[in-house]
Amino acid sequence: MLVRMRTTPRQLSWILSLALAASACLALTASAMAASPKGSYKGASGQNKPVSLKVSGKKIKGFTIVYRAPCNDGRTLNGAFTFSAIDRKGRKFGVQGSNSGTVDGAPAVSNLTLVGKFNKAGTKATGTFSISTETINSSGDGIATCKSGKVRYTVKKK
C-alpha cells in the first residue's frame, strides 16, 4: 500500500532549515578535527639534503634546510640556512627575504624564498625553497651568481 503525504510550504521550509543546520554542524566538526601542527619534523629536499623544523603555537621555529646552488663560474655553493621564526596561517607558511654574508671570504648577498603547507592531519609538510646568491667570482674580477632553483622538500613529524 502506498501512502502519499502532502507537505505544506511551511513544513518544507522547516525541513530545509533543519537540513542546512545539520550540514553546517558537520562542516564545523570536520574543520575542528583537522589537527594543528606541533612538535618536531624531519625530512629531506629534492637535492637529498636534510630539512628540519619545529612548530610552537602559530610559529615555525628553527626551520633549517641544507642546499646546493651551482654558480655560473663553475663553482657550487653548498650551504645551510636557518629561519628562526616563520609565521603560520592555518596550515600554510612562507617567508621571503635577503641576507648578507660571505662566500670564500668575499661579500655576498642572498635572496631566498620558502613556502610550505602542512597536511590536514598535521603529520607532514611539503613545500619549496629557492636561494640566489651573488658574490665575487672565482677569478676575482667579476660577479658570480649561484642559484639553487626551486627545491622541493618534505618533512614528517618525528
Protein backbone atom coordinates (compact mmCIF):
# COMPACT_ATOMS: atom_id res chain seq x y z
CA MET A 1 0.00 0.00 0.00
CA LEU A 2 1.39 3.39 -0.97
CA VAL A 3 0.62 6.33 1.25
CA ARG A 4 1.13 9.82 -0.08
CA MET A 5 1.61 12.70 2.24
CA ARG A 6 1.29 16.29 1.30
CA THR A 7 3.95 18.67 2.53
CA THR A 8 2.92 22.23 3.08
CA PRO A 9 5.29 25.05 2.14
CA ARG A 10 5.76 25.78 5.84
CA GLN A 11 6.74 22.16 6.58
CA LEU A 12 9.09 22.13 3.59
CA SER A 13 10.76 25.34 4.82
CA TRP A 14 11.23 23.80 8.28
CA ILE A 15 12.74 20.59 6.80
CA LEU A 16 15.17 22.59 4.63
CA SER A 17 16.24 24.72 7.60
CA LEU A 18 16.91 21.59 9.65
CA ALA A 19 18.94 20.04 6.82
CA LEU A 20 21.04 23.21 6.42
CA ALA A 21 21.72 23.37 10.16
CA ALA A 22 22.81 19.72 10.21
CA SER A 23 25.20 20.20 7.28
CA ALA A 24 26.70 23.30 8.94
CA CYS A 25 27.33 21.25 12.11
CA LEU A 26 29.06 18.56 10.05
CA ALA A 27 31.29 21.14 8.34
CA LEU A 28 32.31 22.66 11.69
CA THR A 29 33.05 19.23 13.12
CA ALA A 30 35.26 18.34 10.13
CA SER A 31 37.27 21.55 10.41
CA ALA A 32 37.68 21.10 14.16
CA MET A 33 39.01 17.58 13.57
CA ALA A 34 41.93 18.90 11.47
CA ALA A 35 44.96 18.62 13.73
CA SER A 36 47.06 21.65 14.48
CA PRO A 37 50.73 21.03 13.57
CA LYS A 38 53.09 20.96 16.55
CA GLY A 39 56.40 19.43 17.55
CA SER A 40 59.50 18.48 15.54
CA TYR A 41 59.63 17.43 11.89
CA LYS A 42 62.49 15.97 9.83
CA GLY A 43 62.88 15.08 6.19
CA ALA A 44 64.80 15.75 3.01
CA SER A 45 64.83 18.01 -0.02
CA GLY A 46 64.75 17.08 -3.68
CA GLN A 47 68.53 17.51 -3.56
CA ASN A 48 68.68 14.71 -0.93
CA LYS A 49 69.78 17.20 1.72
CA PRO A 50 68.36 17.35 5.28
CA VAL A 51 65.45 19.59 6.27
CA SER A 52 64.06 20.09 9.77
CA LEU A 53 61.64 22.36 11.59
CA LYS A 54 59.89 22.84 14.92
CA VAL A 55 56.37 24.17 15.40
CA SER A 56 55.36 26.07 18.51
CA GLY A 57 51.94 27.69 18.54
CA LYS A 58 51.41 29.70 15.37
CA LYS A 59 55.14 29.98 14.64
CA ILE A 60 57.61 27.72 12.94
CA LYS A 61 60.86 27.96 14.83
CA GLY A 62 64.21 26.74 13.63
CA PHE A 63 63.41 25.77 10.03
CA THR A 64 66.76 24.54 8.67
CA ILE A 65 67.46 23.46 5.10
CA VAL A 66 70.77 22.34 3.60
CA TYR A 67 71.13 23.17 -0.11
CA ARG A 68 73.37 23.10 -3.17
CA ALA A 69 73.48 26.06 -5.59
CA PRO A 70 75.55 25.77 -8.80
CA CYS A 71 77.29 29.02 -9.80
CA ASN A 72 77.80 30.48 -13.28
CA ASP A 73 81.59 30.50 -12.74
CA GLY A 74 81.80 26.70 -12.31
CA ARG A 75 81.73 26.55 -8.50
CA THR A 76 78.96 25.01 -6.44
CA LEU A 77 77.83 26.75 -3.29
CA ASN A 78 76.97 24.23 -0.55
CA GLY A 79 75.23 25.86 2.37
CA ALA A 80 72.57 25.72 5.03
CA PHE A 81 70.02 28.31 6.03
CA THR A 82 68.07 28.52 9.28
CA PHE A 83 64.95 30.64 9.67
CA SER A 84 64.49 31.45 13.36
CA ALA A 85 60.75 32.26 13.20
CA ILE A 86 58.17 31.98 10.42
CA ASP A 87 54.53 32.96 10.89
CA ARG A 88 51.98 30.27 10.12
CA LYS A 89 48.45 30.94 8.92
CA GLY A 90 46.47 27.77 9.42
CA ARG A 91 48.33 25.04 7.60
CA LYS A 92 50.32 27.39 5.31
CA PHE A 93 53.59 29.20 5.95
CA GLY A 94 56.20 31.11 4.00
CA VAL A 95 58.91 33.73 4.05
CA GLN A 96 60.83 35.77 1.52
CA GLY A 97 63.86 37.94 2.18
CA SER A 98 67.54 38.74 1.73
CA ASN A 99 70.65 38.10 3.71
CA SER A 100 74.21 39.45 3.57
CA GLY A 101 77.24 37.33 4.33
CA THR A 102 80.42 36.00 2.76
CA VAL A 103 81.34 33.24 0.32
CA ASP A 104 85.00 32.18 0.41
CA GLY A 105 85.75 35.42 2.30
CA ALA A 106 84.12 37.65 -0.34
CA PRO A 107 80.96 39.69 0.35
CA ALA A 108 77.74 38.02 -0.80
CA VAL A 109 74.04 38.85 -0.93
CA SER A 110 71.39 36.11 -0.99
CA ASN A 111 67.71 36.33 -1.89
CA LEU A 112 65.57 33.45 -0.70
CA THR A 113 62.01 32.18 -0.73
CA LEU A 114 60.43 29.42 1.33
CA VAL A 115 56.81 28.24 1.17
CA GLY A 116 55.11 25.23 2.67
CA LYS A 117 51.89 23.62 3.81
CA PHE A 118 51.03 21.01 6.44
CA ASN A 119 48.65 18.18 5.62
CA LYS A 120 45.25 18.12 7.37
CA ALA A 121 46.46 15.62 9.97
CA GLY A 122 49.43 17.86 10.87
CA THR A 123 51.85 14.95 10.41
CA LYS A 124 53.66 16.14 7.27
CA ALA A 125 54.63 19.35 5.47
CA THR A 126 55.70 19.87 1.87
CA GLY A 127 56.92 22.93 0.05
CA THR A 128 59.66 24.62 -1.95
CA PHE A 129 62.80 26.61 -1.19
CA SER A 130 64.99 28.68 -3.50
CA ILE A 131 68.08 30.80 -3.00
CA SER A 132 70.07 33.00 -5.35
CA THR A 133 73.44 34.34 -4.17
CA GLU A 134 75.64 36.97 -5.81
CA THR A 135 79.32 37.14 -4.85
CA ILE A 136 82.78 37.81 -6.32
CA ASN A 137 83.57 35.16 -8.95
CA SER A 138 86.33 32.58 -8.53
CA SER A 139 88.84 34.62 -10.59
CA GLY A 140 88.13 37.75 -8.51
CA ASP A 141 87.31 40.03 -11.45
CA GLY A 142 83.51 39.96 -11.56
CA ILE A 143 80.26 38.78 -10.07
CA ALA A 144 79.18 35.15 -9.83
CA THR A 145 75.57 34.11 -9.38
CA CYS A 146 74.72 30.86 -7.62
CA LYS A 147 71.14 29.55 -7.86
CA SER A 148 69.56 26.53 -6.22
CA GLY A 149 66.49 26.62 -8.44
CA LYS A 150 63.16 25.67 -6.90
CA VAL A 151 63.92 22.81 -4.49
CA ARG A 152 61.04 20.68 -3.19
CA TYR A 153 61.11 19.31 0.35
CA THR A 154 59.05 17.01 2.57
CA VAL A 155 59.23 16.70 6.35
CA LYS A 156 57.36 14.28 8.64
CA LYS A 157 56.57 14.54 12.32
CA LYS A 158 59.08 12.68 14.50
